[in-house]
Amino acid sequence: MGQKQKQPQQDLFFEMTRMMVPRDFLEYFSVFEVKELKSEWQIVLHEKGNLIPDKLKGQEDIVLDGYCNPMHILSHCFTLKPVYLVMKRRRWKQAGSDIHYSNEYTLTKDSSKLTPDMAGFLKI
């Protein structure tokens, strides 16, 4: 019998990401970094760059203009520290304009700032 082949590191990272971040979120966001702070873990997610808002699709000279204020959502607690998903939505504009556009997502249940799985677990 041969030895079982190890999973490539990229596959391991993807599987761990799916364990920590709801699958619906990964449709719109990619993991940018993971930070351990004194009282919490943060998984920072940036909106994917190809998700241009509908109001700007088909127009010319569309540019990225930074990010909206981040949204902190309580996820799982695998250690004694809570794990927060820090969602950063992109802000877009047409070159030469001061009008900004961004995508809107339903990421939480009601206004609880909890992932849908966590809200279900807590029965909120």
C-alpha atoms as a PDB file:
ATOM      1  CA  MET A   1       0.000   0.000   0.000  1.00  0.00           C
ATOM      2  CA  GLY A   2       1.230   3.429  -0.898  1.00  0.00           C
ATOM      3  CA  GLN A   3       1.192   6.431   1.344  1.00  0.00           C
ATOM      4  CA  LYS A   4      -1.726   8.798   1.152  1.00  0.00           C
ATOM      5  CA  GLN A   5      -0.742  11.968  -0.677  1.00  0.00           C
ATOM      6  CA  LYS A   6      -0.825  15.216   1.291  1.00  0.00           C
ATOM      7  CA  GLN A   7      -3.327  17.856   0.243  1.00  0.00           C
ATOM      8  CA  PRO A   8      -1.693  20.829  -1.457  1.00  0.00           C
ATOM      9  CA  GLN A   9      -1.376  23.796   0.907  1.00  0.00           C
ATOM     10  CA  GLN A  10      -3.760  25.878  -1.213  1.00  0.00           C
ATOM     11  CA  ASP A  11      -6.481  23.211  -0.803  1.00  0.00           C
ATOM     12  CA  LEU A  12      -5.900  23.126   2.963  1.00  0.00           C
ATOM     13  CA  PHE A  13      -6.248  26.895   3.173  1.00  0.00           C
ATOM     14  CA  PHE A  14      -9.472  26.780   1.122  1.00  0.00           C
ATOM     15  CA  GLU A  15     -10.957  24.050   3.348  1.00  0.00           C
ATOM     16  CA  MET A  16     -10.042  25.930   6.542  1.00  0.00           C
ATOM     17  CA  THR A  17     -11.571  29.090   5.084  1.00  0.00           C
ATOM     18  CA  ARG A  18     -14.825  27.235   4.390  1.00  0.00           C
ATOM     19  CA  MET A  19     -14.798  26.012   7.995  1.00  0.00           C
ATOM     20  CA  MET A  20     -14.477  29.542   9.407  1.00  0.00           C
ATOM     21  CA  VAL A  21     -16.392  31.673   6.879  1.00  0.00           C
ATOM     22  CA  PRO A  22     -19.960  30.934   5.720  1.00  0.00           C
ATOM     23  CA  ARG A  23     -20.036  29.629   2.152  1.00  0.00           C
ATOM     24  CA  ASP A  24     -22.430  32.416   1.072  1.00  0.00           C
ATOM     25  CA  PHE A  25     -19.880  35.038   2.113  1.00  0.00           C
ATOM     26  CA  LEU A  26     -17.127  33.409   0.033  1.00  0.00           C
ATOM     27  CA  GLU A  27     -19.217  33.989  -3.085  1.00  0.00           C
ATOM     28  CA  TYR A  28     -18.652  37.741  -2.712  1.00  0.00           C
ATOM     29  CA  PHE A  29     -15.531  38.060  -0.516  1.00  0.00           C
ATOM     30  CA  SER A  30     -12.000  36.636  -0.342  1.00  0.00           C
ATOM     31  CA  VAL A  31      -9.880  36.203   2.776  1.00  0.00           C
ATOM     32  CA  PHE A  32      -7.324  39.000   2.906  1.00  0.00           C
ATOM     33  CA  GLU A  33      -5.710  38.389   6.303  1.00  0.00           C
ATOM     34  CA  VAL A  34      -6.167  36.778   9.704  1.00  0.00           C
ATOM     35  CA  LYS A  35      -5.227  38.735  12.837  1.00  0.00           C
ATOM     36  CA  GLU A  36      -4.986  37.653  16.443  1.00  0.00           C
ATOM     37  CA  LEU A  37      -5.686  40.541  18.782  1.00  0.00           C
ATOM     38  CA  LYS A  38      -5.573  40.536  22.577  1.00  0.00           C
ATOM     39  CA  SER A  39      -9.276  39.784  23.006  1.00  0.00           C
ATOM     40  CA  GLU A  40     -10.397  38.405  19.630  1.00  0.00           C
ATOM     41  CA  TRP A  41      -9.511  36.887  16.269  1.00  0.00           C
ATOM     42  CA  GLN A  42     -10.305  38.810  13.088  1.00  0.00           C
ATOM     43  CA  ILE A  43     -10.679  37.317   9.633  1.00  0.00           C
ATOM     44  CA  VAL A  44     -10.509  40.253   7.226  1.00  0.00           C
ATOM     45  CA  LEU A  45     -12.451  39.733   3.986  1.00  0.00           C
ATOM     46  CA  HIS A  46     -12.290  42.017   0.948  1.00  0.00           C
ATOM     47  CA  GLU A  47     -15.026  42.116  -1.650  1.00  0.00           C
ATOM     48  CA  LYS A  48     -13.951  40.461  -4.897  1.00  0.00           C
ATOM     49  CA  GLY A  49     -12.717  42.964  -7.474  1.00  0.00           C
ATOM     50  CA  ASN A  50     -14.934  41.799 -10.310  1.00  0.00           C
ATOM     51  CA  LEU A  51     -18.212  42.661  -8.525  1.00  0.00           C
ATOM     52  CA  ILE A  52     -18.888  46.068 -10.033  1.00  0.00           C
ATOM     53  CA  PRO A  53     -22.245  47.550  -8.888  1.00  0.00           C
ATOM     54  CA  ASP A  54     -25.116  47.186 -11.371  1.00  0.00           C
ATOM     55  CA  LYS A  55     -25.479  50.975 -11.754  1.00  0.00           C
ATOM     56  CA  LEU A  56     -21.943  51.161 -13.225  1.00  0.00           C
ATOM     57  CA  LYS A  57     -21.965  48.050 -15.425  1.00  0.00           C
ATOM     58  CA  GLY A  58     -21.524  48.837 -19.084  1.00  0.00           C
ATOM     59  CA  GLN A  59     -20.047  52.285 -18.407  1.00  0.00           C
ATOM     60  CA  GLU A  60     -16.489  53.316 -19.239  1.00  0.00           C
ATOM     61  CA  ASP A  61     -13.650  54.481 -16.975  1.00  0.00           C
ATOM     62  CA  ILE A  62     -14.837  52.741 -13.798  1.00  0.00           C
ATOM     63  CA  VAL A  63     -12.276  52.884 -10.997  1.00  0.00           C
ATOM     64  CA  LEU A  64     -11.966  51.470  -7.500  1.00  0.00           C
ATOM     65  CA  ASP A  65     -12.165  54.279  -4.941  1.00  0.00           C
ATOM     66  CA  GLY A  66     -11.213  52.607  -1.672  1.00  0.00           C
ATOM     67  CA  TYR A  67     -13.493  50.718   0.697  1.00  0.00           C
ATOM     68  CA  CYS A  68     -16.666  51.408   2.652  1.00  0.00           C
ATOM     69  CA  ASN A  69     -16.577  51.298   6.452  1.00  0.00           C
ATOM     70  CA  PRO A  70     -15.897  47.699   7.504  1.00  0.00           C
ATOM     71  CA  MET A  71     -18.654  45.590   9.027  1.00  0.00           C
ATOM     72  CA  HIS A  72     -17.761  43.343  11.985  1.00  0.00           C
ATOM     73  CA  ILE A  73     -19.802  40.148  12.240  1.00  0.00           C
ATOM     74  CA  LEU A  74     -19.459  37.642  15.081  1.00  0.00           C
ATOM     75  CA  SER A  75     -18.744  34.181  13.729  1.00  0.00           C
ATOM     76  CA  HIS A  76     -17.629  31.023  15.536  1.00  0.00           C
ATOM     77  CA  CYS A  77     -15.576  30.695  18.705  1.00  0.00           C
ATOM     78  CA  PHE A  78     -13.042  27.908  18.262  1.00  0.00           C
ATOM     79  CA  THR A  79     -10.834  29.172  21.066  1.00  0.00           C
ATOM     80  CA  LEU A  80     -11.623  31.208  24.149  1.00  0.00           C
ATOM     81  CA  LYS A  81     -11.572  34.311  21.942  1.00  0.00           C
ATOM     82  CA  PRO A  82     -14.469  35.263  19.677  1.00  0.00           C
ATOM     83  CA  VAL A  83     -13.864  35.220  15.914  1.00  0.00           C
ATOM     84  CA  TYR A  84     -15.074  38.263  13.983  1.00  0.00           C
ATOM     85  CA  LEU A  85     -15.417  38.470  10.224  1.00  0.00           C
ATOM     86  CA  VAL A  86     -14.410  41.957   9.100  1.00  0.00           C
ATOM     87  CA  MET A  87     -16.179  42.582   5.800  1.00  0.00           C
ATOM     88  CA  LYS A  88     -14.769  45.312   3.552  1.00  0.00           C
ATOM     89  CA  ARG A  89     -16.962  46.242   0.594  1.00  0.00           C
ATOM     90  CA  ARG A  90     -15.330  48.030  -2.324  1.00  0.00           C
ATOM     91  CA  ARG A  91     -16.341  51.543  -3.323  1.00  0.00           C
ATOM     92  CA  TRP A  92     -16.503  52.345  -7.032  1.00  0.00           C
ATOM     93  CA  LYS A  93     -16.915  55.486  -9.106  1.00  0.00           C
ATOM     94  CA  GLN A  94     -16.667  56.670 -12.677  1.00  0.00           C
ATOM     95  CA  ALA A  95     -13.339  58.424 -13.324  1.00  0.00           C
ATOM     96  CA  GLY A  96     -13.678  62.179 -12.818  1.00  0.00           C
ATOM     97  CA  SER A  97     -16.864  61.838 -10.739  1.00  0.00           C
ATOM     98  CA  ASP A  98     -17.394  62.204  -7.008  1.00  0.00           C
ATOM     99  CA  ILE A  99     -20.418  59.886  -6.845  1.00  0.00           C
ATOM    100  CA  HIS A 100     -19.595  56.547  -5.204  1.00  0.00           C
ATOM    101  CA  TYR A 101     -21.346  53.216  -5.636  1.00  0.00           C
ATOM    102  CA  SER A 102     -21.067  49.973  -3.694  1.00  0.00           C
ATOM    103  CA  ASN A 103     -22.842  46.633  -3.543  1.00  0.00           C
ATOM    104  CA  GLU A 104     -25.292  45.807  -0.770  1.00  0.00           C
ATOM    105  CA  TYR A 105     -25.407  42.318   0.747  1.00  0.00           C
ATOM    106  CA  THR A 106     -27.637  40.634   3.296  1.00  0.00           C
ATOM    107  CA  LEU A 107     -24.901  39.190   5.481  1.00  0.00           C
ATOM    108  CA  THR A 108     -26.600  39.052   8.867  1.00  0.00           C
ATOM    109  CA  LYS A 109     -29.927  37.985  10.213  1.00  0.00           C
ATOM    110  CA  ASP A 110     -31.837  41.162  11.080  1.00  0.00           C
ATOM    111  CA  SER A 111     -29.480  43.686  12.698  1.00  0.00           C
ATOM    112  CA  SER A 112     -27.820  41.243  15.097  1.00  0.00           C
ATOM    113  CA  LYS A 113     -24.291  41.429  13.594  1.00  0.00           C
ATOM    114  CA  LEU A 114     -24.100  37.631  13.815  1.00  0.00           C
ATOM    115  CA  THR A 115     -23.566  35.212  10.960  1.00  0.00           C
ATOM    116  CA  PRO A 116     -26.794  33.369  10.084  1.00  0.00           C
ATOM    117  CA  ASP A 117     -25.304  30.149  11.520  1.00  0.00           C
ATOM    118  CA  MET A 118     -24.368  31.835  14.795  1.00  0.00           C
ATOM    119  CA  ALA A 119     -27.799  33.485  15.072  1.00  0.00           C
ATOM    120  CA  GLY A 120     -29.425  30.078  14.527  1.00  0.00           C
ATOM    121  CA  PHE A 121     -27.193  28.515  17.175  1.00  0.00           C
ATOM    122  CA  LEU A 122     -28.141  31.240  19.671  1.00  0.00           C
ATOM    123  CA  LYS A 123     -31.796  31.076  18.495  1.00  0.00           C
ATOM    124  CA  ILE A 124     -31.976  34.812  17.826  1.00  0.00           C
END
